[in-house]
Amino acid sequence: MPSKTAKTAAKATVSKTAPKAAAKPAPKPVLKPAAKAPAAAPAPKPVAKAPVKPAAAAPKVEEKKVLTQRQGFKTNEFVVYPAHGVGQILAIEEQEIAGARLELFVINFIKDKMTLRVPTAKVANVGMRKLSEPVLVKKALETLKGRARVKRTMWSRRAQEYEAKINSGDIVAIAEVVRDLYRSESQPEQSYSERQLYEAALDRLSREIAVVQHSTETEAIKEIEAQLAKSPRRGAAKAESESEGDADAEGDVDDAEGDDTSVADEAA
């Protein structure tokens, strides 16, 4: 009887020599259906654009006319405006005022730090004029050497007359005011109102003389005072009698009707 060992060996031999079981067939790959490509997004519908309005045309800018001369006056010229004295025309411009187009002189008064606009059509009415000719300036200087003439009226009335002469723009009339109100060092001082009128007349006269003679105002004042020094002096006694509101006349009366009188020299 074969032993257990022999049986075991035989089983092992049989198991080694036995043909291997047929290999199982590899499973077939499952083919998944291809993913569908995402549907293309629908093309955006064209948006109708609002019609572009043409840009409004820019308002036309009116070109300002460069005016250089009107009514015989031109830019950069010195003129005399009666109420303010000597000024310089800076420009001639057009402006619309109350719906009407006006041409204006732009006048600068340097000393007064003032600018005035005068319609070109009104220059005759306001009395604006050109500078005096040298011959007329000489006549004004000669006037300063004459005798002071004072009316036999109240000071208040004479003051109005002096002021009217100053604002007349007449260089000779202004020189008369300077002559009549001048006081030398040997004469009594002027009253406040007299001094104001004298300085106003002296300022108007010196400014015009300075521009005409191309000199400074200081030089013009010196020339005016030199001419005044040549005039006959007023008598001290008569000068003292004159005061603001005084009805007495100064000097000799030429006639009894209150006409201009000449103040004669009187011995002390």
C-alpha atoms as a PDB file:
ATOM      1  CA  MET A   1       0.000   0.000   0.000  1.00  0.00           C
ATOM      2  CA  PRO A   2       1.610   3.151  -1.035  1.00  0.00           C
ATOM      3  CA  SER A   3       2.533   5.490   1.614  1.00  0.00           C
ATOM      4  CA  LYS A   4       0.996   8.882   2.278  1.00  0.00           C
ATOM      5  CA  THR A   5       4.162  10.478   1.176  1.00  0.00           C
ATOM      6  CA  ALA A   6       3.993   8.850  -2.229  1.00  0.00           C
ATOM      7  CA  LYS A   7       0.404   9.950  -2.675  1.00  0.00           C
ATOM      8  CA  THR A   8       1.225  13.431  -1.737  1.00  0.00           C
ATOM      9  CA  ALA A   9       4.098  13.499  -4.210  1.00  0.00           C
ATOM     10  CA  ALA A  10       1.894  12.167  -6.922  1.00  0.00           C
ATOM     11  CA  LYS A  11      -0.693  14.838  -6.321  1.00  0.00           C
ATOM     12  CA  ALA A  12       1.941  17.484  -6.461  1.00  0.00           C
ATOM     13  CA  THR A  13       3.276  16.071  -9.717  1.00  0.00           C
ATOM     14  CA  VAL A  14      -0.160  15.977 -11.205  1.00  0.00           C
ATOM     15  CA  SER A  15      -0.925  19.500 -10.111  1.00  0.00           C
ATOM     16  CA  LYS A  16       2.345  20.795 -11.651  1.00  0.00           C
ATOM     17  CA  THR A  17       1.821  19.035 -14.910  1.00  0.00           C
ATOM     18  CA  ALA A  18      -1.828  19.797 -15.238  1.00  0.00           C
ATOM     19  CA  PRO A  19      -2.513  22.312 -17.914  1.00  0.00           C
ATOM     20  CA  LYS A  20      -3.317  25.724 -16.720  1.00  0.00           C
ATOM     21  CA  ALA A  21      -6.851  26.797 -16.913  1.00  0.00           C
ATOM     22  CA  ALA A  22      -7.575  28.829 -19.915  1.00  0.00           C
ATOM     23  CA  ALA A  23      -7.168  32.528 -19.205  1.00  0.00           C
ATOM     24  CA  LYS A  24     -10.309  34.418 -18.968  1.00  0.00           C
ATOM     25  CA  PRO A  25     -10.886  36.726 -21.934  1.00  0.00           C
ATOM     26  CA  ALA A  26     -10.113  40.339 -21.121  1.00  0.00           C
ATOM     27  CA  PRO A  27     -13.230  42.320 -20.713  1.00  0.00           C
ATOM     28  CA  LYS A  28     -14.074  44.402 -23.680  1.00  0.00           C
ATOM     29  CA  PRO A  29     -13.662  48.114 -23.054  1.00  0.00           C
ATOM     30  CA  VAL A  30     -16.950  49.828 -22.737  1.00  0.00           C
ATOM     31  CA  LEU A  31     -17.042  52.652 -25.174  1.00  0.00           C
ATOM     32  CA  LYS A  32     -18.734  55.658 -23.714  1.00  0.00           C
ATOM     33  CA  PRO A  33     -20.527  57.872 -26.123  1.00  0.00           C
ATOM     34  CA  ALA A  34     -18.472  60.973 -26.878  1.00  0.00           C
ATOM     35  CA  ALA A  35     -19.554  63.972 -24.957  1.00  0.00           C
ATOM     36  CA  LYS A  36     -21.532  66.295 -27.078  1.00  0.00           C
ATOM     37  CA  ALA A  37     -19.813  69.572 -27.736  1.00  0.00           C
ATOM     38  CA  PRO A  38     -21.577  72.420 -26.031  1.00  0.00           C
ATOM     39  CA  ALA A  39     -23.863  74.199 -28.355  1.00  0.00           C
ATOM     40  CA  ALA A  40     -22.399  77.442 -29.604  1.00  0.00           C
ATOM     41  CA  ALA A  41     -23.890  80.470 -27.915  1.00  0.00           C
ATOM     42  CA  PRO A  42     -26.258  82.262 -30.197  1.00  0.00           C
ATOM     43  CA  ALA A  43     -24.693  85.293 -31.791  1.00  0.00           C
ATOM     44  CA  PRO A  44     -25.853  88.523 -30.101  1.00  0.00           C
ATOM     45  CA  LYS A  45     -28.423  90.369 -32.029  1.00  0.00           C
ATOM     46  CA  PRO A  46     -27.097  93.637 -33.373  1.00  0.00           C
ATOM     47  CA  VAL A  47     -28.314  96.489 -31.235  1.00  0.00           C
ATOM     48  CA  ALA A  48     -29.741  99.250 -33.282  1.00  0.00           C
ATOM     49  CA  LYS A  49     -27.773 102.388 -32.499  1.00  0.00           C
ATOM     50  CA  ALA A  50     -29.593 105.622 -32.095  1.00  0.00           C
ATOM     51  CA  PRO A  51     -28.841 107.940 -34.933  1.00  0.00           C
ATOM     52  CA  VAL A  52     -26.003 110.246 -33.970  1.00  0.00           C
ATOM     53  CA  LYS A  53     -27.112 113.812 -34.117  1.00  0.00           C
ATOM     54  CA  PRO A  54     -24.613 116.094 -35.713  1.00  0.00           C
ATOM     55  CA  ALA A  55     -22.909 118.276 -33.143  1.00  0.00           C
ATOM     56  CA  ALA A  56     -24.402 121.699 -32.930  1.00  0.00           C
ATOM     57  CA  ALA A  57     -22.255 124.214 -34.652  1.00  0.00           C
ATOM     58  CA  ALA A  58     -20.309 126.345 -32.194  1.00  0.00           C
ATOM     59  CA  PRO A  59     -21.631 129.884 -31.992  1.00  0.00           C
ATOM     60  CA  LYS A  60     -19.668 132.208 -34.112  1.00  0.00           C
ATOM     61  CA  VAL A  61     -17.501 134.528 -32.104  1.00  0.00           C
ATOM     62  CA  GLU A  62     -17.803 137.994 -33.417  1.00  0.00           C
ATOM     63  CA  GLU A  63     -14.442 139.433 -34.131  1.00  0.00           C
ATOM     64  CA  LYS A  64     -14.058 142.721 -32.369  1.00  0.00           C
ATOM     65  CA  LYS A  65     -13.105 145.490 -34.637  1.00  0.00           C
ATOM     66  CA  VAL A  66      -9.926 147.184 -33.589  1.00  0.00           C
ATOM     67  CA  LEU A  67     -10.780 150.843 -33.657  1.00  0.00           C
ATOM     68  CA  THR A  68      -7.970 153.331 -33.595  1.00  0.00           C
ATOM     69  CA  GLN A  69      -9.615 156.633 -34.441  1.00  0.00           C
ATOM     70  CA  ARG A  70     -13.005 158.274 -33.989  1.00  0.00           C
ATOM     71  CA  GLN A  71     -14.239 161.864 -34.006  1.00  0.00           C
ATOM     72  CA  GLY A  72     -10.712 163.099 -34.645  1.00  0.00           C
ATOM     73  CA  PHE A  73      -9.308 161.348 -31.549  1.00  0.00           C
ATOM     74  CA  LYS A  74      -7.062 158.290 -31.642  1.00  0.00           C
ATOM     75  CA  THR A  75      -5.753 155.729 -29.198  1.00  0.00           C
ATOM     76  CA  ASN A  76      -2.798 156.607 -26.933  1.00  0.00           C
ATOM     77  CA  GLU A  77      -3.567 160.291 -27.413  1.00  0.00           C
ATOM     78  CA  PHE A  78      -3.756 162.672 -24.452  1.00  0.00           C
ATOM     79  CA  VAL A  79      -6.978 164.656 -24.248  1.00  0.00           C
ATOM     80  CA  VAL A  80      -8.629 167.087 -21.849  1.00  0.00           C
ATOM     81  CA  TYR A  81     -11.908 166.039 -20.264  1.00  0.00           C
ATOM     82  CA  PRO A  82     -13.324 169.194 -18.626  1.00  0.00           C
ATOM     83  CA  ALA A  83     -14.590 167.585 -15.416  1.00  0.00           C
ATOM     84  CA  HIS A  84     -11.387 165.580 -14.755  1.00  0.00           C
ATOM     85  CA  GLY A  85      -8.546 167.236 -16.622  1.00  0.00           C
ATOM     86  CA  VAL A  86      -5.888 165.516 -18.724  1.00  0.00           C
ATOM     87  CA  GLY A  87      -6.355 161.829 -19.543  1.00  0.00           C
ATOM     88  CA  GLN A  88      -5.095 159.327 -22.100  1.00  0.00           C
ATOM     89  CA  ILE A  89      -7.229 157.330 -24.538  1.00  0.00           C
ATOM     90  CA  LEU A  90      -6.320 153.689 -23.962  1.00  0.00           C
ATOM     91  CA  ALA A  91      -8.702 152.186 -26.524  1.00  0.00           C
ATOM     92  CA  ILE A  92     -11.810 152.698 -28.594  1.00  0.00           C
ATOM     93  CA  GLU A  93     -14.159 149.773 -28.002  1.00  0.00           C
ATOM     94  CA  GLU A  94     -17.655 148.614 -28.932  1.00  0.00           C
ATOM     95  CA  GLN A  95     -20.178 147.540 -26.305  1.00  0.00           C
ATOM     96  CA  GLU A  96     -23.811 146.501 -26.396  1.00  0.00           C
ATOM     97  CA  ILE A  97     -25.824 148.524 -23.903  1.00  0.00           C
ATOM     98  CA  ALA A  98     -29.612 148.114 -23.644  1.00  0.00           C
ATOM     99  CA  GLY A  99     -29.612 146.336 -27.002  1.00  0.00           C
ATOM    100  CA  ALA A 100     -27.751 149.108 -28.775  1.00  0.00           C
ATOM    101  CA  ARG A 101     -24.174 149.021 -30.010  1.00  0.00           C
ATOM    102  CA  LEU A 102     -22.082 151.894 -28.765  1.00  0.00           C
ATOM    103  CA  GLU A 103     -18.566 153.002 -29.517  1.00  0.00           C
ATOM    104  CA  LEU A 104     -16.737 154.215 -26.432  1.00  0.00           C
ATOM    105  CA  PHE A 105     -13.511 156.031 -25.687  1.00  0.00           C
ATOM    106  CA  VAL A 106     -11.700 154.360 -22.781  1.00  0.00           C
ATOM    107  CA  ILE A 107      -9.889 157.212 -21.037  1.00  0.00           C
ATOM    108  CA  ASN A 108      -7.438 156.665 -18.201  1.00  0.00           C
ATOM    109  CA  PHE A 109      -6.641 159.361 -15.643  1.00  0.00           C
ATOM    110  CA  ILE A 110      -3.407 158.083 -14.132  1.00  0.00           C
ATOM    111  CA  LYS A 111      -3.120 160.572 -11.293  1.00  0.00           C
ATOM    112  CA  ASP A 112      -6.722 160.041 -10.189  1.00  0.00           C
ATOM    113  CA  LYS A 113      -6.470 156.236 -10.721  1.00  0.00           C
ATOM    114  CA  MET A 114      -9.695 156.345 -12.680  1.00  0.00           C
ATOM    115  CA  THR A 115     -10.909 154.975 -16.014  1.00  0.00           C
ATOM    116  CA  LEU A 116     -13.775 156.681 -17.823  1.00  0.00           C
ATOM    117  CA  ARG A 117     -15.809 155.424 -20.801  1.00  0.00           C
ATOM    118  CA  VAL A 118     -17.238 158.151 -22.996  1.00  0.00           C
ATOM    119  CA  PRO A 119     -19.507 157.484 -26.013  1.00  0.00           C
ATOM    120  CA  THR A 120     -17.742 158.684 -29.130  1.00  0.00           C
ATOM    121  CA  ALA A 121     -20.894 160.482 -30.231  1.00  0.00           C
ATOM    122  CA  LYS A 122     -20.980 162.535 -27.023  1.00  0.00           C
ATOM    123  CA  VAL A 123     -17.509 164.072 -27.053  1.00  0.00           C
ATOM    124  CA  ALA A 124     -18.806 167.414 -28.295  1.00  0.00           C
ATOM    125  CA  ASN A 125     -21.524 167.543 -25.631  1.00  0.00           C
ATOM    126  CA  VAL A 126     -19.122 166.836 -22.747  1.00  0.00           C
ATOM    127  CA  GLY A 127     -16.536 169.268 -24.097  1.00  0.00           C
ATOM    128  CA  MET A 128     -13.691 166.786 -24.550  1.00  0.00           C
ATOM    129  CA  ARG A 129     -10.892 168.389 -26.511  1.00  0.00           C
ATOM    130  CA  LYS A 130      -7.361 167.922 -27.701  1.00  0.00           C
ATOM    131  CA  LEU A 131      -4.408 169.335 -25.809  1.00  0.00           C
ATOM    132  CA  SER A 132      -3.839 173.056 -26.174  1.00  0.00           C
ATOM    133  CA  GLU A 133      -1.411 174.233 -28.793  1.00  0.00           C
ATOM    134  CA  PRO A 134       1.915 175.640 -27.526  1.00  0.00           C
ATOM    135  CA  VAL A 135       0.771 179.134 -28.518  1.00  0.00           C
ATOM    136  CA  LEU A 136      -2.281 178.849 -26.252  1.00  0.00           C
ATOM    137  CA  VAL A 137      -0.153 177.488 -23.413  1.00  0.00           C
ATOM    138  CA  LYS A 138       2.096 180.519 -23.739  1.00  0.00           C
ATOM    139  CA  LYS A 139      -0.964 182.789 -23.549  1.00  0.00           C
ATOM    140  CA  ALA A 140      -2.068 181.033 -20.340  1.00  0.00           C
ATOM    141  CA  LEU A 141       1.366 181.582 -18.804  1.00  0.00           C
ATOM    142  CA  GLU A 142       1.239 185.253 -19.777  1.00  0.00           C
ATOM    143  CA  THR A 143      -2.160 185.487 -18.064  1.00  0.00           C
ATOM    144  CA  LEU A 144      -0.520 184.492 -14.785  1.00  0.00           C
ATOM    145  CA  LYS A 145       1.604 187.654 -14.849  1.00  0.00           C
ATOM    146  CA  GLY A 146      -1.413 189.972 -14.975  1.00  0.00           C
ATOM    147  CA  ARG A 147      -3.139 191.687 -12.084  1.00  0.00           C
ATOM    148  CA  ALA A 148      -5.511 189.634  -9.992  1.00  0.00           C
ATOM    149  CA  ARG A 149      -9.094 190.540 -10.808  1.00  0.00           C
ATOM    150  CA  VAL A 150     -11.844 190.003  -8.268  1.00  0.00           C
ATOM    151  CA  LYS A 151     -15.549 190.708  -8.641  1.00  0.00           C
ATOM    152  CA  ARG A 152     -17.360 192.730  -6.035  1.00  0.00           C
ATOM    153  CA  THR A 153     -19.690 189.927  -5.024  1.00  0.00           C
ATOM    154  CA  MET A 154     -20.169 187.491  -2.178  1.00  0.00           C
ATOM    155  CA  TRP A 155     -17.492 184.812  -1.867  1.00  0.00           C
ATOM    156  CA  SER A 156     -20.010 182.007  -2.358  1.00  0.00           C
ATOM    157  CA  ARG A 157     -20.931 183.407  -5.756  1.00  0.00           C
ATOM    158  CA  ARG A 158     -17.323 183.951  -6.743  1.00  0.00           C
ATOM    159  CA  ALA A 159     -16.499 180.406  -5.674  1.00  0.00           C
ATOM    160  CA  GLN A 160     -19.147 179.078  -8.067  1.00  0.00           C
ATOM    161  CA  GLU A 161     -17.692 181.144 -10.885  1.00  0.00           C
ATOM    162  CA  TYR A 162     -14.177 179.883 -10.159  1.00  0.00           C
ATOM    163  CA  GLU A 163     -15.393 176.306 -10.133  1.00  0.00           C
ATOM    164  CA  ALA A 164     -17.205 176.804 -13.441  1.00  0.00           C
ATOM    165  CA  LYS A 165     -13.977 178.104 -14.987  1.00  0.00           C
ATOM    166  CA  ILE A 166     -12.005 175.141 -13.693  1.00  0.00           C
ATOM    167  CA  ASN A 167     -14.515 172.657 -15.147  1.00  0.00           C
ATOM    168  CA  SER A 168     -14.784 174.515 -18.455  1.00  0.00           C
ATOM    169  CA  GLY A 169     -11.594 172.925 -19.742  1.00  0.00           C
ATOM    170  CA  ASP A 170     -10.407 176.309 -21.053  1.00  0.00           C
ATOM    171  CA  ILE A 171      -6.716 176.568 -20.171  1.00  0.00           C
ATOM    172  CA  VAL A 172      -6.757 180.381 -20.150  1.00  0.00           C
ATOM    173  CA  ALA A 173      -9.813 180.497 -17.862  1.00  0.00           C
ATOM    174  CA  ILE A 174      -8.102 178.047 -15.498  1.00  0.00           C
ATOM    175  CA  ALA A 175      -4.992 180.247 -15.500  1.00  0.00           C
ATOM    176  CA  GLU A 176      -7.187 183.192 -14.465  1.00  0.00           C
ATOM    177  CA  VAL A 177      -8.401 181.240 -11.419  1.00  0.00           C
ATOM    178  CA  VAL A 178      -4.807 180.439 -10.446  1.00  0.00           C
ATOM    179  CA  ARG A 179      -3.850 184.089 -10.833  1.00  0.00           C
ATOM    180  CA  ASP A 180      -6.810 185.429  -8.831  1.00  0.00           C
ATOM    181  CA  LEU A 181      -6.461 182.980  -5.925  1.00  0.00           C
ATOM    182  CA  TYR A 182      -2.666 183.026  -5.677  1.00  0.00           C
ATOM    183  CA  ARG A 183      -1.158 184.261  -2.417  1.00  0.00           C
ATOM    184  CA  SER A 184       2.492 185.134  -2.025  1.00  0.00           C
ATOM    185  CA  GLU A 185       4.405 184.462   1.180  1.00  0.00           C
ATOM    186  CA  SER A 186       3.998 188.071   2.260  1.00  0.00           C
ATOM    187  CA  GLN A 187       0.217 187.873   1.983  1.00  0.00           C
ATOM    188  CA  PRO A 188      -2.257 186.368   4.445  1.00  0.00           C
ATOM    189  CA  GLU A 189      -3.051 182.674   4.069  1.00  0.00           C
ATOM    190  CA  GLN A 190      -6.070 181.585   2.097  1.00  0.00           C
ATOM    191  CA  SER A 191      -9.232 180.231   3.621  1.00  0.00           C
ATOM    192  CA  TYR A 192      -9.878 176.493   3.287  1.00  0.00           C
ATOM    193  CA  SER A 193     -12.321 176.850   0.388  1.00  0.00           C
ATOM    194  CA  GLU A 194     -10.004 179.257  -1.436  1.00  0.00           C
ATOM    195  CA  ARG A 195      -7.105 176.874  -1.009  1.00  0.00           C
ATOM    196  CA  GLN A 196      -9.105 173.969  -2.411  1.00  0.00           C
ATOM    197  CA  LEU A 197     -10.095 175.880  -5.532  1.00  0.00           C
ATOM    198  CA  TYR A 198      -6.568 177.197  -6.015  1.00  0.00           C
ATOM    199  CA  GLU A 199      -5.038 173.708  -5.805  1.00  0.00           C
ATOM    200  CA  ALA A 200      -7.655 172.268  -8.170  1.00  0.00           C
ATOM    201  CA  ALA A 201      -6.933 174.973 -10.758  1.00  0.00           C
ATOM    202  CA  LEU A 202      -3.166 174.634 -10.305  1.00  0.00           C
ATOM    203  CA  ASP A 203      -3.383 170.859 -10.771  1.00  0.00           C
ATOM    204  CA  ARG A 204      -5.391 171.135 -14.015  1.00  0.00           C
ATOM    205  CA  LEU A 205      -3.092 173.795 -15.414  1.00  0.00           C
ATOM    206  CA  SER A 206       0.194 172.104 -14.496  1.00  0.00           C
ATOM    207  CA  ARG A 207      -0.849 168.706 -15.857  1.00  0.00           C
ATOM    208  CA  GLU A 208      -1.724 170.089 -19.269  1.00  0.00           C
ATOM    209  CA  ILE A 209       1.394 172.245 -19.477  1.00  0.00           C
ATOM    210  CA  ALA A 210       3.541 169.240 -18.505  1.00  0.00           C
ATOM    211  CA  VAL A 211       2.089 167.043 -21.257  1.00  0.00           C
ATOM    212  CA  VAL A 212       2.286 169.754 -23.923  1.00  0.00           C
ATOM    213  CA  GLN A 213       5.886 170.668 -23.025  1.00  0.00           C
ATOM    214  CA  HIS A 214       6.935 167.038 -22.384  1.00  0.00           C
ATOM    215  CA  SER A 215       8.059 167.856 -18.871  1.00  0.00           C
ATOM    216  CA  THR A 216       7.097 166.742 -15.369  1.00  0.00           C
ATOM    217  CA  GLU A 217       4.311 168.282 -13.280  1.00  0.00           C
ATOM    218  CA  THR A 218       6.885 169.502 -10.769  1.00  0.00           C
ATOM    219  CA  GLU A 219       8.688 171.426 -13.487  1.00  0.00           C
ATOM    220  CA  ALA A 220       5.387 172.817 -14.758  1.00  0.00           C
ATOM    221  CA  ILE A 221       4.408 174.030 -11.268  1.00  0.00           C
ATOM    222  CA  LYS A 222       7.776 175.766 -10.893  1.00  0.00           C
ATOM    223  CA  GLU A 223       7.215 177.529 -14.202  1.00  0.00           C
ATOM    224  CA  ILE A 224       3.708 178.613 -13.127  1.00  0.00           C
ATOM    225  CA  GLU A 225       4.956 179.953  -9.795  1.00  0.00           C
ATOM    226  CA  ALA A 226       7.742 181.819 -11.566  1.00  0.00           C
ATOM    227  CA  GLN A 227       5.147 183.584 -13.720  1.00  0.00           C
ATOM    228  CA  LEU A 228       2.954 184.344 -10.700  1.00  0.00           C
ATOM    229  CA  ALA A 229       5.926 185.911  -8.942  1.00  0.00           C
ATOM    230  CA  LYS A 230       6.095 188.469 -11.756  1.00  0.00           C
ATOM    231  CA  SER A 231       2.543 189.664 -11.189  1.00  0.00           C
ATOM    232  CA  PRO A 232       1.844 192.840  -9.190  1.00  0.00           C
ATOM    233  CA  ARG A 233       1.421 192.009  -5.526  1.00  0.00           C
ATOM    234  CA  ARG A 234      -1.795 192.620  -3.716  1.00  0.00           C
ATOM    235  CA  GLY A 235      -1.895 195.107  -0.876  1.00  0.00           C
ATOM    236  CA  ALA A 236      -1.724 193.433   2.496  1.00  0.00           C
ATOM    237  CA  ALA A 237      -4.484 195.598   3.950  1.00  0.00           C
ATOM    238  CA  LYS A 238      -6.913 194.705   1.174  1.00  0.00           C
ATOM    239  CA  ALA A 239      -6.044 191.013   1.292  1.00  0.00           C
ATOM    240  CA  GLU A 240      -6.784 190.854   5.008  1.00  0.00           C
ATOM    241  CA  SER A 241     -10.258 192.229   4.462  1.00  0.00           C
ATOM    242  CA  GLU A 242     -11.223 189.316   2.221  1.00  0.00           C
ATOM    243  CA  SER A 243     -12.714 186.267   3.931  1.00  0.00           C
ATOM    244  CA  GLU A 244     -15.245 183.597   3.134  1.00  0.00           C
ATOM    245  CA  GLY A 245     -18.696 185.127   2.889  1.00  0.00           C
ATOM    246  CA  ASP A 246     -17.296 188.679   2.860  1.00  0.00           C
ATOM    247  CA  ALA A 247     -19.004 191.061   0.480  1.00  0.00           C
ATOM    248  CA  ASP A 248     -16.094 193.490   0.301  1.00  0.00           C
ATOM    249  CA  ALA A 249     -14.038 193.705  -2.859  1.00  0.00           C
ATOM    250  CA  GLU A 250     -10.270 193.471  -2.985  1.00  0.00           C
ATOM    251  CA  GLY A 251      -8.491 196.333  -4.714  1.00  0.00           C
ATOM    252  CA  ASP A 252      -9.706 199.277  -6.664  1.00  0.00           C
ATOM    253  CA  VAL A 253     -13.122 199.067  -8.297  1.00  0.00           C
ATOM    254  CA  ASP A 254     -13.112 200.019 -11.946  1.00  0.00           C
ATOM    255  CA  ASP A 255     -16.840 200.721 -11.971  1.00  0.00           C
ATOM    256  CA  ALA A 256     -19.807 200.660  -9.629  1.00  0.00           C
ATOM    257  CA  GLU A 257     -21.625 197.785 -11.338  1.00  0.00           C
ATOM    258  CA  GLY A 258     -19.553 194.950  -9.922  1.00  0.00           C
ATOM    259  CA  ASP A 259     -17.446 194.271 -13.001  1.00  0.00           C
ATOM    260  CA  ASP A 260     -13.961 192.735 -12.752  1.00  0.00           C
ATOM    261  CA  THR A 261     -11.578 194.940 -10.814  1.00  0.00           C
ATOM    262  CA  SER A 262      -7.832 195.157 -10.695  1.00  0.00           C
ATOM    263  CA  VAL A 263      -6.025 194.945  -7.388  1.00  0.00           C
ATOM    264  CA  ALA A 264      -3.405 197.675  -7.338  1.00  0.00           C
ATOM    265  CA  ASP A 265      -0.243 197.707  -5.295  1.00  0.00           C
ATOM    266  CA  GLU A 266      -0.441 199.564  -2.054  1.00  0.00           C
ATOM    267  CA  ALA A 267       2.374 200.802   0.067  1.00  0.00           C
ATOM    268  CA  ALA A 268       2.641 199.213   3.466  1.00  0.00           C
END
